[in-house]
């Protein structure tokens, strides 16, 4: 999480950070409020496709490389390699909030119909006091937390996706990150992010 925070604070325009919180540690006394079963399933899909294992903390880079999430030197090397790759698609997104609803407009151009477009509603930062479990007594700060996640087929070249913010959450606390992903290899072809405009 601290390493994720380092990259998040840098806010590089060509780095899209997503933190998918898994639910399989919830039995040890503390339930992660951001965890979702479908995020655990997503990790298992990566493990099967990349011939990896399921563990935390795990970092997946561009959908094609798995590395322990605290190994900064390996992560730095893999990010450098990823930045040298050319995008294999085009993707443009905008996001606008009206009351509690966020409407994401997208336009995508891909070479294959075997891809999907993924959209993540991302909370930039949240601190949580841990009262039970192995981190009992600590306050952990998480970054770029995926709070909602949706996909559409890539042959849906233009359209809109809707998210709903809970309570009185401010749009400035969130951003939208989208990416095109090969459904078989799970490789990320291109990604984009945007701030949320408030009407």
N, C-alpha and C. Protein backbone atom coordinates (compact mmCIF):
# COMPACT_ATOMS: atom_id res chain seq x y z
N UNK A 1 0.82 -1.21 0.00
CA UNK A 1 0.00 0.00 0.00
C UNK A 1 0.86 1.26 0.00
N UNK A 2 1.95 1.23 0.74
CA UNK A 2 2.83 2.41 0.75
C UNK A 2 3.46 2.63 -0.62
N UNK A 3 3.83 1.54 -1.29
CA UNK A 3 4.40 1.67 -2.62
C UNK A 3 3.35 2.17 -3.61
N UNK A 4 2.14 1.67 -3.50
CA UNK A 4 1.05 2.14 -4.33
C UNK A 4 0.85 3.64 -4.11
N UNK A 5 0.93 4.07 -2.87
CA UNK A 5 0.79 5.49 -2.55
C UNK A 5 1.87 6.34 -3.18
N UNK A 6 3.07 5.80 -3.24
CA UNK A 6 4.19 6.52 -3.86
C UNK A 6 3.90 6.81 -5.33
N UNK A 7 3.38 5.81 -6.03
CA UNK A 7 3.05 5.99 -7.45
C UNK A 7 1.81 6.87 -7.61
N UNK A 8 0.84 6.71 -6.72
CA UNK A 8 -0.40 7.48 -6.82
C UNK A 8 -0.14 8.97 -6.63
N UNK A 9 0.69 9.31 -5.66
CA UNK A 9 1.00 10.72 -5.40
C UNK A 9 1.74 11.34 -6.58
N UNK A 10 2.59 10.56 -7.24
CA UNK A 10 3.31 11.05 -8.42
C UNK A 10 2.35 11.40 -9.55
N UNK A 11 1.24 10.65 -9.63
CA UNK A 11 0.17 10.93 -10.60
C UNK A 11 0.68 11.07 -12.03
N UNK A 12 1.51 10.12 -12.45
CA UNK A 12 2.01 10.14 -13.82
C UNK A 12 0.85 9.91 -14.79
N UNK A 13 0.76 10.70 -15.85
CA UNK A 13 -0.38 10.59 -16.77
C UNK A 13 -0.42 9.27 -17.51
N UNK A 14 0.71 8.57 -17.63
CA UNK A 14 0.73 7.31 -18.37
C UNK A 14 0.74 6.09 -17.46
N UNK A 15 0.40 6.29 -16.18
CA UNK A 15 0.28 5.16 -15.25
C UNK A 15 -1.13 5.13 -14.68
N UNK A 16 -1.81 3.98 -14.87
CA UNK A 16 -3.16 3.81 -14.36
C UNK A 16 -3.11 2.78 -13.23
N UNK A 17 -3.32 3.22 -12.02
CA UNK A 17 -3.20 2.35 -10.86
C UNK A 17 -4.57 1.90 -10.38
N UNK A 18 -4.73 0.60 -10.20
CA UNK A 18 -5.99 0.06 -9.70
C UNK A 18 -5.71 -0.90 -8.55
N UNK A 19 -6.40 -0.70 -7.46
CA UNK A 19 -6.27 -1.58 -6.30
C UNK A 19 -7.57 -2.35 -6.11
N UNK A 20 -7.53 -3.65 -6.48
CA UNK A 20 -8.69 -4.53 -6.32
C UNK A 20 -8.55 -5.26 -4.98
N UNK A 21 -9.41 -4.97 -4.04
CA UNK A 21 -9.33 -5.58 -2.72
C UNK A 21 -10.05 -6.93 -2.72
N UNK A 22 -9.33 -7.98 -2.35
CA UNK A 22 -9.89 -9.34 -2.35
C UNK A 22 -10.57 -9.63 -1.01
N UNK A 23 -11.43 -10.65 -1.02
CA UNK A 23 -12.24 -10.93 0.18
C UNK A 23 -11.81 -12.17 0.95
N UNK A 24 -10.79 -12.90 0.47
CA UNK A 24 -10.50 -14.19 1.10
C UNK A 24 -9.71 -14.10 2.41
N UNK A 25 -9.34 -12.87 2.83
CA UNK A 25 -8.73 -12.71 4.15
C UNK A 25 -9.75 -12.24 5.20
N UNK A 26 -10.99 -12.07 4.82
CA UNK A 26 -11.97 -11.48 5.73
C UNK A 26 -12.30 -12.37 6.93
N UNK A 27 -11.92 -13.63 6.87
CA UNK A 27 -12.28 -14.56 7.95
C UNK A 27 -11.40 -14.41 9.18
N UNK A 28 -10.28 -13.65 9.08
CA UNK A 28 -9.31 -13.64 10.19
C UNK A 28 -9.60 -12.57 11.24
N UNK A 29 -10.82 -12.00 11.23
CA UNK A 29 -11.20 -11.10 12.31
C UNK A 29 -11.54 -9.70 11.89
N UNK A 30 -11.18 -9.31 10.67
CA UNK A 30 -11.49 -7.97 10.20
C UNK A 30 -11.90 -8.05 8.74
N UNK A 31 -13.01 -7.44 8.40
CA UNK A 31 -13.51 -7.46 7.03
C UNK A 31 -13.07 -6.20 6.30
N UNK A 32 -12.36 -6.37 5.22
CA UNK A 32 -11.94 -5.24 4.39
C UNK A 32 -13.18 -4.60 3.77
N UNK A 33 -13.46 -3.34 4.08
CA UNK A 33 -14.70 -2.71 3.58
C UNK A 33 -14.71 -2.52 2.06
N UNK A 34 -13.56 -2.64 1.41
CA UNK A 34 -13.48 -2.45 -0.04
C UNK A 34 -13.41 -3.78 -0.79
N UNK A 35 -13.41 -4.88 -0.07
CA UNK A 35 -13.22 -6.19 -0.71
C UNK A 35 -14.50 -6.65 -1.41
N UNK A 36 -14.31 -7.37 -2.50
CA UNK A 36 -15.42 -7.94 -3.25
C UNK A 36 -15.05 -9.34 -3.74
N UNK A 37 -16.03 -10.22 -3.73
CA UNK A 37 -15.81 -11.59 -4.20
C UNK A 37 -15.36 -11.60 -5.65
N UNK A 38 -15.95 -10.73 -6.48
CA UNK A 38 -15.60 -10.73 -7.90
C UNK A 38 -14.16 -10.29 -8.13
N UNK A 39 -13.59 -9.53 -7.19
CA UNK A 39 -12.19 -9.14 -7.33
C UNK A 39 -11.28 -10.33 -7.02
N UNK A 40 -11.69 -11.16 -6.08
CA UNK A 40 -10.92 -12.39 -5.81
C UNK A 40 -10.98 -13.31 -7.02
N UNK A 41 -12.15 -13.40 -7.65
CA UNK A 41 -12.29 -14.22 -8.85
C UNK A 41 -11.43 -13.67 -9.99
N UNK A 42 -11.35 -12.36 -10.08
CA UNK A 42 -10.51 -11.74 -11.10
C UNK A 42 -9.04 -12.13 -10.90
N UNK A 43 -8.60 -12.13 -9.65
CA UNK A 43 -7.22 -12.52 -9.36
C UNK A 43 -6.97 -14.00 -9.72
N UNK A 44 -7.94 -14.83 -9.45
CA UNK A 44 -7.79 -16.25 -9.79
C UNK A 44 -7.71 -16.45 -11.30
N UNK A 45 -8.43 -15.62 -12.04
CA UNK A 45 -8.36 -15.70 -13.50
C UNK A 45 -6.95 -15.34 -13.98
N UNK A 46 -6.36 -14.32 -13.39
CA UNK A 46 -4.98 -13.96 -13.73
C UNK A 46 -4.03 -15.11 -13.40
N UNK A 47 -4.22 -15.72 -12.23
CA UNK A 47 -3.34 -16.81 -11.82
C UNK A 47 -3.39 -17.95 -12.82
N UNK A 48 -4.59 -18.29 -13.28
CA UNK A 48 -4.74 -19.38 -14.24
C UNK A 48 -4.13 -19.02 -15.59
N UNK A 49 -4.32 -17.78 -16.02
CA UNK A 49 -3.84 -17.36 -17.34
C UNK A 49 -2.34 -17.14 -17.36
N UNK A 50 -1.79 -16.57 -16.29
CA UNK A 50 -0.36 -16.25 -16.25
C UNK A 50 0.47 -17.35 -15.61
N UNK A 51 -0.18 -18.48 -15.28
CA UNK A 51 0.51 -19.59 -14.62
C UNK A 51 1.19 -19.11 -13.33
N UNK A 52 0.45 -18.31 -12.59
CA UNK A 52 0.93 -17.75 -11.34
C UNK A 52 0.17 -18.39 -10.19
N UNK A 53 0.28 -17.82 -9.02
CA UNK A 53 -0.48 -18.29 -7.86
C UNK A 53 -1.29 -17.14 -7.30
N UNK A 54 -2.18 -17.45 -6.38
CA UNK A 54 -3.02 -16.43 -5.76
C UNK A 54 -2.41 -16.05 -4.42
N UNK A 55 -2.04 -14.79 -4.28
CA UNK A 55 -1.40 -14.34 -3.05
C UNK A 55 -1.59 -12.83 -2.92
N UNK A 56 -1.29 -12.32 -1.75
CA UNK A 56 -1.26 -10.87 -1.54
C UNK A 56 0.04 -10.53 -0.81
N UNK A 57 0.61 -9.36 -1.08
CA UNK A 57 0.18 -8.40 -2.10
C UNK A 57 0.71 -8.80 -3.48
N UNK A 58 -0.14 -8.77 -4.47
CA UNK A 58 0.25 -9.11 -5.83
C UNK A 58 -0.01 -7.92 -6.74
N UNK A 59 0.91 -7.70 -7.66
CA UNK A 59 0.76 -6.63 -8.63
C UNK A 59 0.77 -7.25 -10.03
N UNK A 60 -0.22 -6.89 -10.83
CA UNK A 60 -0.28 -7.31 -12.22
C UNK A 60 0.00 -6.08 -13.08
N UNK A 61 0.96 -6.16 -13.95
CA UNK A 61 1.34 -5.03 -14.79
C UNK A 61 0.90 -5.29 -16.23
N UNK A 62 0.08 -4.40 -16.74
CA UNK A 62 -0.44 -4.48 -18.10
C UNK A 62 -1.13 -5.81 -18.41
N UNK A 63 -1.61 -6.47 -17.36
CA UNK A 63 -2.33 -7.72 -17.54
C UNK A 63 -1.48 -8.89 -17.95
N UNK A 64 -0.16 -8.71 -17.98
CA UNK A 64 0.70 -9.76 -18.51
C UNK A 64 1.87 -10.17 -17.62
N UNK A 65 2.14 -9.40 -16.56
CA UNK A 65 3.25 -9.71 -15.66
C UNK A 65 2.77 -9.73 -14.22
N UNK A 66 3.17 -10.76 -13.48
CA UNK A 66 2.81 -10.88 -12.06
C UNK A 66 4.06 -10.70 -11.21
N UNK A 67 3.94 -9.91 -10.15
CA UNK A 67 5.09 -9.66 -9.28
C UNK A 67 4.58 -9.38 -7.86
N UNK A 68 5.40 -9.73 -6.87
CA UNK A 68 5.05 -9.42 -5.48
C UNK A 68 4.96 -7.91 -5.33
N UNK A 69 3.87 -7.44 -4.75
CA UNK A 69 3.57 -6.02 -4.72
C UNK A 69 4.49 -5.16 -3.90
N UNK A 70 5.43 -5.76 -3.17
CA UNK A 70 6.38 -4.97 -2.38
C UNK A 70 7.78 -4.98 -2.97
N UNK A 71 7.99 -5.68 -4.07
CA UNK A 71 9.32 -5.77 -4.69
C UNK A 71 9.55 -4.59 -5.62
N UNK A 72 9.95 -3.47 -5.03
CA UNK A 72 10.01 -2.21 -5.78
C UNK A 72 10.97 -2.27 -6.96
N UNK A 73 12.12 -2.91 -6.82
CA UNK A 73 13.08 -2.95 -7.91
C UNK A 73 12.52 -3.70 -9.12
N UNK A 74 11.85 -4.83 -8.87
CA UNK A 74 11.25 -5.58 -9.97
C UNK A 74 10.10 -4.81 -10.60
N UNK A 75 9.32 -4.15 -9.77
CA UNK A 75 8.19 -3.36 -10.28
C UNK A 75 8.70 -2.21 -11.14
N UNK A 76 9.74 -1.53 -10.70
CA UNK A 76 10.31 -0.42 -11.46
C UNK A 76 10.78 -0.90 -12.83
N UNK A 77 11.42 -2.06 -12.86
CA UNK A 77 11.91 -2.61 -14.13
C UNK A 77 10.75 -2.95 -15.06
N UNK A 78 9.72 -3.59 -14.52
CA UNK A 78 8.59 -3.99 -15.35
C UNK A 78 7.79 -2.79 -15.86
N UNK A 79 7.69 -1.76 -15.04
CA UNK A 79 7.01 -0.55 -15.48
C UNK A 79 7.79 0.12 -16.61
N UNK A 80 9.11 0.15 -16.48
CA UNK A 80 9.95 0.73 -17.54
C UNK A 80 9.75 -0.02 -18.85
N UNK A 81 9.69 -1.35 -18.77
CA UNK A 81 9.47 -2.16 -19.97
C UNK A 81 8.09 -1.91 -20.55
N UNK A 82 7.10 -1.79 -19.68
CA UNK A 82 5.73 -1.57 -20.14
C UNK A 82 5.58 -0.23 -20.85
N UNK A 83 6.30 0.77 -20.37
CA UNK A 83 6.21 2.10 -20.97
C UNK A 83 6.79 2.15 -22.38
N UNK A 84 7.58 1.17 -22.73
CA UNK A 84 8.17 1.12 -24.06
C UNK A 84 7.25 0.44 -25.07
N UNK A 85 6.16 -0.14 -24.59
CA UNK A 85 5.22 -0.81 -25.48
C UNK A 85 4.25 0.21 -26.08
N UNK A 86 3.91 0.01 -27.35
CA UNK A 86 2.98 0.90 -28.02
C UNK A 86 1.54 0.43 -27.79
N UNK A 87 0.62 1.36 -27.57
CA UNK A 87 -0.80 0.98 -27.41
C UNK A 87 -1.31 0.24 -28.64
N UNK A 88 -2.17 -0.74 -28.42
CA UNK A 88 -2.71 -1.54 -29.50
C UNK A 88 -4.17 -1.22 -29.78
N UNK A 89 -4.63 -0.09 -29.26
CA UNK A 89 -6.01 0.35 -29.46
C UNK A 89 -6.07 1.84 -29.18
N UNK A 90 -7.24 2.42 -29.37
CA UNK A 90 -7.48 3.82 -29.03
C UNK A 90 -8.66 3.89 -28.07
N UNK A 91 -8.55 4.74 -27.05
CA UNK A 91 -9.61 4.85 -26.06
C UNK A 91 -9.66 6.27 -25.52
N UNK A 92 -10.83 6.87 -25.57
CA UNK A 92 -11.04 8.20 -25.02
C UNK A 92 -12.26 8.17 -24.09
N UNK A 93 -12.14 8.79 -22.92
CA UNK A 93 -13.23 8.80 -21.96
C UNK A 93 -13.39 10.19 -21.34
N UNK A 94 -14.63 10.50 -20.95
CA UNK A 94 -14.93 11.68 -20.14
C UNK A 94 -15.93 11.24 -19.08
N UNK A 95 -16.00 11.97 -17.97
CA UNK A 95 -16.91 11.61 -16.89
C UNK A 95 -17.55 12.85 -16.30
N UNK A 96 -18.85 12.78 -16.04
CA UNK A 96 -19.59 13.91 -15.52
C UNK A 96 -20.54 13.44 -14.42
N UNK A 97 -20.58 14.18 -13.31
CA UNK A 97 -21.44 13.83 -12.18
C UNK A 97 -22.66 14.74 -12.16
N UNK A 98 -23.83 14.14 -12.02
CA UNK A 98 -25.09 14.87 -11.87
C UNK A 98 -25.82 14.23 -10.69
N UNK A 99 -25.93 14.97 -9.59
CA UNK A 99 -26.42 14.42 -8.32
C UNK A 99 -25.52 13.27 -7.91
N UNK A 100 -26.06 12.06 -7.70
CA UNK A 100 -25.22 10.94 -7.29
C UNK A 100 -24.74 10.11 -8.47
N UNK A 101 -25.19 10.44 -9.66
CA UNK A 101 -24.88 9.64 -10.84
C UNK A 101 -23.65 10.16 -11.58
N UNK A 102 -22.80 9.22 -11.99
CA UNK A 102 -21.64 9.56 -12.81
C UNK A 102 -21.83 8.88 -14.16
N UNK A 103 -21.81 9.69 -15.20
CA UNK A 103 -21.94 9.15 -16.55
C UNK A 103 -20.60 9.24 -17.25
N UNK A 104 -20.13 8.09 -17.69
CA UNK A 104 -18.85 8.01 -18.40
C UNK A 104 -19.14 7.81 -19.89
N UNK A 105 -18.67 8.74 -20.69
CA UNK A 105 -18.78 8.62 -22.14
C UNK A 105 -17.47 8.05 -22.68
N UNK A 106 -17.58 7.12 -23.61
CA UNK A 106 -16.36 6.51 -24.14
C UNK A 106 -16.43 6.35 -25.65
N UNK A 107 -15.26 6.37 -26.24
CA UNK A 107 -15.11 6.06 -27.66
C UNK A 107 -13.87 5.18 -27.79
N UNK A 108 -14.02 4.05 -28.46
CA UNK A 108 -12.94 3.07 -28.51
C UNK A 108 -12.75 2.57 -29.94
N UNK A 109 -11.50 2.37 -30.31
CA UNK A 109 -11.16 1.80 -31.61
C UNK A 109 -10.19 0.66 -31.38
N UNK A 110 -10.59 -0.56 -31.74
CA UNK A 110 -9.77 -1.75 -31.52
C UNK A 110 -9.64 -2.53 -32.82
N UNK A 111 -8.66 -3.42 -32.83
CA UNK A 111 -8.43 -4.24 -34.03
C UNK A 111 -9.15 -5.57 -33.96
N UNK A 112 -9.55 -5.98 -32.77
CA UNK A 112 -10.16 -7.29 -32.58
C UNK A 112 -11.48 -7.17 -31.84
N UNK A 113 -12.40 -8.08 -32.17
CA UNK A 113 -13.68 -8.10 -31.45
C UNK A 113 -13.60 -9.03 -30.23
N UNK A 114 -12.41 -9.56 -29.94
CA UNK A 114 -12.23 -10.45 -28.80
C UNK A 114 -11.74 -9.71 -27.56
N UNK A 115 -11.90 -8.41 -27.57
CA UNK A 115 -11.47 -7.61 -26.44
C UNK A 115 -12.69 -7.12 -25.65
N UNK A 116 -12.43 -6.60 -24.48
CA UNK A 116 -13.49 -5.97 -23.70
C UNK A 116 -12.99 -4.64 -23.16
N UNK A 117 -13.92 -3.73 -22.92
CA UNK A 117 -13.58 -2.44 -22.34
C UNK A 117 -14.00 -2.47 -20.88
N UNK A 118 -13.06 -2.17 -20.00
CA UNK A 118 -13.31 -2.23 -18.56
C UNK A 118 -13.31 -0.82 -17.98
N UNK A 119 -14.22 -0.57 -17.05
CA UNK A 119 -14.36 0.73 -16.43
C UNK A 119 -14.31 0.56 -14.91
N UNK A 120 -13.50 1.39 -14.26
CA UNK A 120 -13.38 1.32 -12.80
C UNK A 120 -13.68 2.68 -12.18
N UNK A 121 -14.56 2.67 -11.20
CA UNK A 121 -14.77 3.85 -10.36
C UNK A 121 -13.76 3.75 -9.22
N UNK A 122 -12.87 4.70 -9.13
CA UNK A 122 -11.70 4.59 -8.27
C UNK A 122 -11.70 5.69 -7.21
N UNK A 123 -11.64 5.29 -5.95
CA UNK A 123 -11.45 6.27 -4.88
C UNK A 123 -9.96 6.50 -4.70
N UNK A 124 -9.55 7.75 -4.72
CA UNK A 124 -8.13 8.07 -4.76
C UNK A 124 -7.40 7.69 -3.47
N UNK A 125 -8.04 7.87 -2.33
CA UNK A 125 -7.35 7.60 -1.07
C UNK A 125 -8.36 7.43 0.05
N UNK A 126 -8.09 6.49 0.96
CA UNK A 126 -8.96 6.28 2.11
C UNK A 126 -8.15 5.64 3.23
N UNK A 127 -8.29 6.18 4.44
CA UNK A 127 -7.62 5.60 5.61
C UNK A 127 -8.64 4.86 6.46
N UNK A 128 -8.23 3.69 6.94
CA UNK A 128 -9.13 2.84 7.71
C UNK A 128 -8.45 2.38 8.99
N UNK A 129 -9.14 2.55 10.11
CA UNK A 129 -8.62 2.06 11.40
C UNK A 129 -8.95 0.57 11.52
N UNK A 130 -7.93 -0.24 11.75
CA UNK A 130 -8.10 -1.69 11.85
C UNK A 130 -8.25 -2.06 13.33
N UNK A 131 -9.37 -2.67 13.67
CA UNK A 131 -9.64 -2.99 15.08
C UNK A 131 -9.43 -4.45 15.42
N UNK A 132 -9.37 -5.32 14.39
CA UNK A 132 -9.19 -6.75 14.65
C UNK A 132 -8.28 -7.34 13.60
N UNK A 133 -7.86 -8.60 13.82
CA UNK A 133 -7.02 -9.28 12.84
C UNK A 133 -5.55 -8.98 13.01
N UNK A 134 -4.72 -9.40 12.05
CA UNK A 134 -3.28 -9.30 12.20
C UNK A 134 -2.76 -7.87 12.15
N UNK A 135 -3.55 -6.93 11.62
CA UNK A 135 -3.15 -5.52 11.59
C UNK A 135 -3.89 -4.70 12.64
N UNK A 136 -4.40 -5.37 13.65
CA UNK A 136 -5.16 -4.71 14.71
C UNK A 136 -4.38 -3.56 15.32
N UNK A 137 -5.04 -2.41 15.46
CA UNK A 137 -4.42 -1.24 16.06
C UNK A 137 -3.78 -0.30 15.06
N UNK A 138 -3.66 -0.73 13.81
CA UNK A 138 -3.04 0.10 12.78
C UNK A 138 -4.10 0.88 12.01
N UNK A 139 -3.68 2.00 11.46
CA UNK A 139 -4.51 2.73 10.51
C UNK A 139 -3.84 2.62 9.16
N UNK A 140 -4.50 1.99 8.22
CA UNK A 140 -3.93 1.76 6.90
C UNK A 140 -4.51 2.75 5.90
N UNK A 141 -3.65 3.26 5.04
CA UNK A 141 -4.09 4.15 3.97
C UNK A 141 -3.99 3.41 2.65
N UNK A 142 -5.11 3.32 1.97
CA UNK A 142 -5.17 2.65 0.67
C UNK A 142 -5.31 3.70 -0.43
N UNK A 143 -4.83 3.36 -1.61
CA UNK A 143 -4.84 4.30 -2.74
C UNK A 143 -5.47 3.65 -3.97
N UNK A 144 -6.13 4.47 -4.76
CA UNK A 144 -6.72 4.04 -6.04
C UNK A 144 -7.54 2.77 -5.87
N UNK A 145 -8.48 2.85 -4.94
CA UNK A 145 -9.32 1.71 -4.59
C UNK A 145 -10.45 1.57 -5.60
N UNK A 146 -10.57 0.41 -6.20
CA UNK A 146 -11.68 0.16 -7.12
C UNK A 146 -12.93 -0.10 -6.28
N UNK A 147 -13.91 0.80 -6.39
CA UNK A 147 -15.15 0.64 -5.62
C UNK A 147 -16.28 0.07 -6.47
N UNK A 148 -16.17 0.19 -7.79
CA UNK A 148 -17.13 -0.41 -8.70
C UNK A 148 -16.43 -0.69 -10.02
N UNK A 149 -16.89 -1.74 -10.71
CA UNK A 149 -16.18 -2.19 -11.90
C UNK A 149 -17.19 -2.76 -12.89
N UNK A 150 -17.10 -2.30 -14.15
CA UNK A 150 -18.03 -2.75 -15.18
C UNK A 150 -17.28 -2.99 -16.49
N UNK A 151 -17.83 -3.87 -17.33
CA UNK A 151 -17.22 -4.16 -18.61
C UNK A 151 -18.28 -4.17 -19.71
N UNK A 152 -17.82 -3.87 -20.93
CA UNK A 152 -18.67 -3.98 -22.11
C UNK A 152 -17.82 -4.60 -23.22
N UNK A 153 -18.44 -5.26 -24.21
CA UNK A 153 -17.68 -5.79 -25.34
C UNK A 153 -17.05 -4.65 -26.14
N UNK A 154 -15.88 -4.91 -26.72
CA UNK A 154 -15.20 -3.84 -27.44
C UNK A 154 -15.89 -3.48 -28.75
N UNK A 155 -16.80 -4.34 -29.23
CA UNK A 155 -17.52 -3.97 -30.45
C UNK A 155 -18.56 -2.88 -30.17
N UNK A 156 -18.76 -2.60 -28.85
CA UNK A 156 -19.56 -1.44 -28.47
C UNK A 156 -18.62 -0.23 -28.49
N UNK A 157 -18.38 0.31 -29.68
CA UNK A 157 -17.28 1.26 -29.88
C UNK A 157 -17.50 2.61 -29.20
N UNK A 158 -18.74 3.01 -29.05
CA UNK A 158 -19.04 4.27 -28.38
C UNK A 158 -20.26 4.08 -27.50
N UNK A 159 -20.31 4.80 -26.42
CA UNK A 159 -21.46 4.67 -25.55
C UNK A 159 -21.22 5.31 -24.20
N UNK A 160 -22.00 4.90 -23.22
CA UNK A 160 -21.87 5.46 -21.88
C UNK A 160 -22.04 4.37 -20.83
N UNK A 161 -21.39 4.58 -19.71
CA UNK A 161 -21.47 3.70 -18.54
C UNK A 161 -21.86 4.57 -17.35
N UNK A 162 -22.72 4.06 -16.49
CA UNK A 162 -23.15 4.83 -15.33
C UNK A 162 -22.66 4.19 -14.03
N UNK A 163 -22.16 5.04 -13.14
CA UNK A 163 -21.83 4.65 -11.78
C UNK A 163 -22.63 5.52 -10.82
N UNK A 164 -22.78 5.03 -9.60
CA UNK A 164 -23.50 5.79 -8.57
C UNK A 164 -22.59 5.97 -7.36
N UNK A 165 -22.45 7.20 -6.92
CA UNK A 165 -21.68 7.48 -5.71
C UNK A 165 -22.59 7.35 -4.49
N UNK A 166 -22.07 6.74 -3.45
CA UNK A 166 -22.85 6.57 -2.23
C UNK A 166 -22.77 7.81 -1.34
N UNK A 167 -23.87 8.08 -0.67
CA UNK A 167 -23.89 9.16 0.31
C UNK A 167 -23.57 10.51 -0.28
N UNK A 168 -22.79 11.29 0.47
CA UNK A 168 -22.44 12.65 0.04
C UNK A 168 -21.01 12.71 -0.49
N UNK A 169 -20.54 11.63 -1.08
CA UNK A 169 -19.17 11.59 -1.58
C UNK A 169 -18.94 12.66 -2.63
N UNK A 170 -17.79 13.29 -2.57
CA UNK A 170 -17.45 14.34 -3.52
C UNK A 170 -16.80 13.72 -4.76
N UNK A 171 -17.15 14.26 -5.91
CA UNK A 171 -16.59 13.75 -7.17
C UNK A 171 -15.07 13.87 -7.19
N UNK A 172 -14.53 14.90 -6.52
CA UNK A 172 -13.09 15.13 -6.52
C UNK A 172 -12.32 14.02 -5.81
N UNK A 173 -13.01 13.20 -5.00
CA UNK A 173 -12.35 12.10 -4.29
C UNK A 173 -12.18 10.88 -5.18
N UNK A 174 -12.76 10.93 -6.37
CA UNK A 174 -12.77 9.77 -7.26
C UNK A 174 -12.21 10.13 -8.63
N UNK A 175 -11.90 9.12 -9.40
CA UNK A 175 -11.58 9.26 -10.81
C UNK A 175 -12.08 8.02 -11.54
N UNK A 176 -12.11 8.10 -12.85
CA UNK A 176 -12.49 6.97 -13.67
C UNK A 176 -11.26 6.48 -14.42
N UNK A 177 -11.01 5.18 -14.36
CA UNK A 177 -9.94 4.56 -15.14
C UNK A 177 -10.59 3.49 -16.02
N UNK A 178 -10.24 3.51 -17.29
CA UNK A 178 -10.79 2.54 -18.24
C UNK A 178 -9.64 1.91 -19.02
N UNK A 179 -9.86 0.68 -19.48
CA UNK A 179 -8.83 0.02 -20.27
C UNK A 179 -9.45 -1.02 -21.17
N UNK A 180 -8.75 -1.32 -22.26
CA UNK A 180 -9.17 -2.36 -23.19
C UNK A 180 -8.32 -3.59 -22.89
N UNK A 181 -8.98 -4.74 -22.73
CA UNK A 181 -8.29 -5.96 -22.32
C UNK A 181 -8.63 -7.12 -23.24
N UNK A 182 -7.62 -7.85 -23.65
CA UNK A 182 -7.81 -9.06 -24.44
C UNK A 182 -8.46 -10.12 -23.54
N UNK A 183 -9.59 -10.67 -23.95
CA UNK A 183 -10.34 -11.57 -23.07
C UNK A 183 -9.63 -12.91 -22.88
N UNK A 184 -8.72 -13.27 -23.77
CA UNK A 184 -8.04 -14.55 -23.65
C UNK A 184 -6.71 -14.42 -22.91
N UNK A 185 -5.84 -13.52 -23.37
CA UNK A 185 -4.52 -13.37 -22.76
C UNK A 185 -4.53 -12.47 -21.54
N UNK A 186 -5.57 -11.63 -21.40
CA UNK A 186 -5.74 -10.63 -20.35
C UNK A 186 -4.79 -9.45 -20.49
N UNK A 187 -4.05 -9.38 -21.58
CA UNK A 187 -3.15 -8.26 -21.82
C UNK A 187 -3.94 -6.96 -21.96
N UNK A 188 -3.42 -5.89 -21.38
CA UNK A 188 -4.02 -4.57 -21.49
C UNK A 188 -3.50 -3.91 -22.77
N UNK A 189 -4.42 -3.50 -23.64
CA UNK A 189 -4.04 -2.93 -24.93
C UNK A 189 -3.87 -1.42 -24.86
N UNK A 190 -4.66 -0.78 -24.04
CA UNK A 190 -4.55 0.66 -23.82
C UNK A 190 -5.36 1.00 -22.58
N UNK A 191 -5.01 2.12 -21.95
CA UNK A 191 -5.75 2.56 -20.76
C UNK A 191 -5.88 4.07 -20.80
N UNK A 192 -6.87 4.58 -20.08
CA UNK A 192 -7.11 6.02 -20.01
C UNK A 192 -7.71 6.34 -18.64
N UNK A 193 -7.51 7.55 -18.18
CA UNK A 193 -8.13 7.97 -16.93
C UNK A 193 -8.62 9.40 -17.05
N UNK A 194 -9.60 9.74 -16.23
CA UNK A 194 -10.15 11.09 -16.27
C UNK A 194 -10.67 11.49 -14.90
N UNK A 195 -10.60 12.77 -14.62
CA UNK A 195 -11.26 13.31 -13.45
C UNK A 195 -12.75 13.41 -13.75
N UNK A 196 -13.56 13.58 -12.71
CA UNK A 196 -15.00 13.65 -12.85
C UNK A 196 -15.45 15.10 -12.75
N UNK A 197 -16.10 15.57 -13.81
CA UNK A 197 -16.61 16.94 -13.84
C UNK A 197 -17.96 16.97 -13.14
N UNK A 198 -18.20 17.98 -12.32
CA UNK A 198 -19.47 18.14 -11.63
C UNK A 198 -20.32 19.19 -12.35
N UNK A 199 -21.56 18.83 -12.64
CA UNK A 199 -22.46 19.78 -13.29
C UNK A 199 -22.86 20.90 -12.34
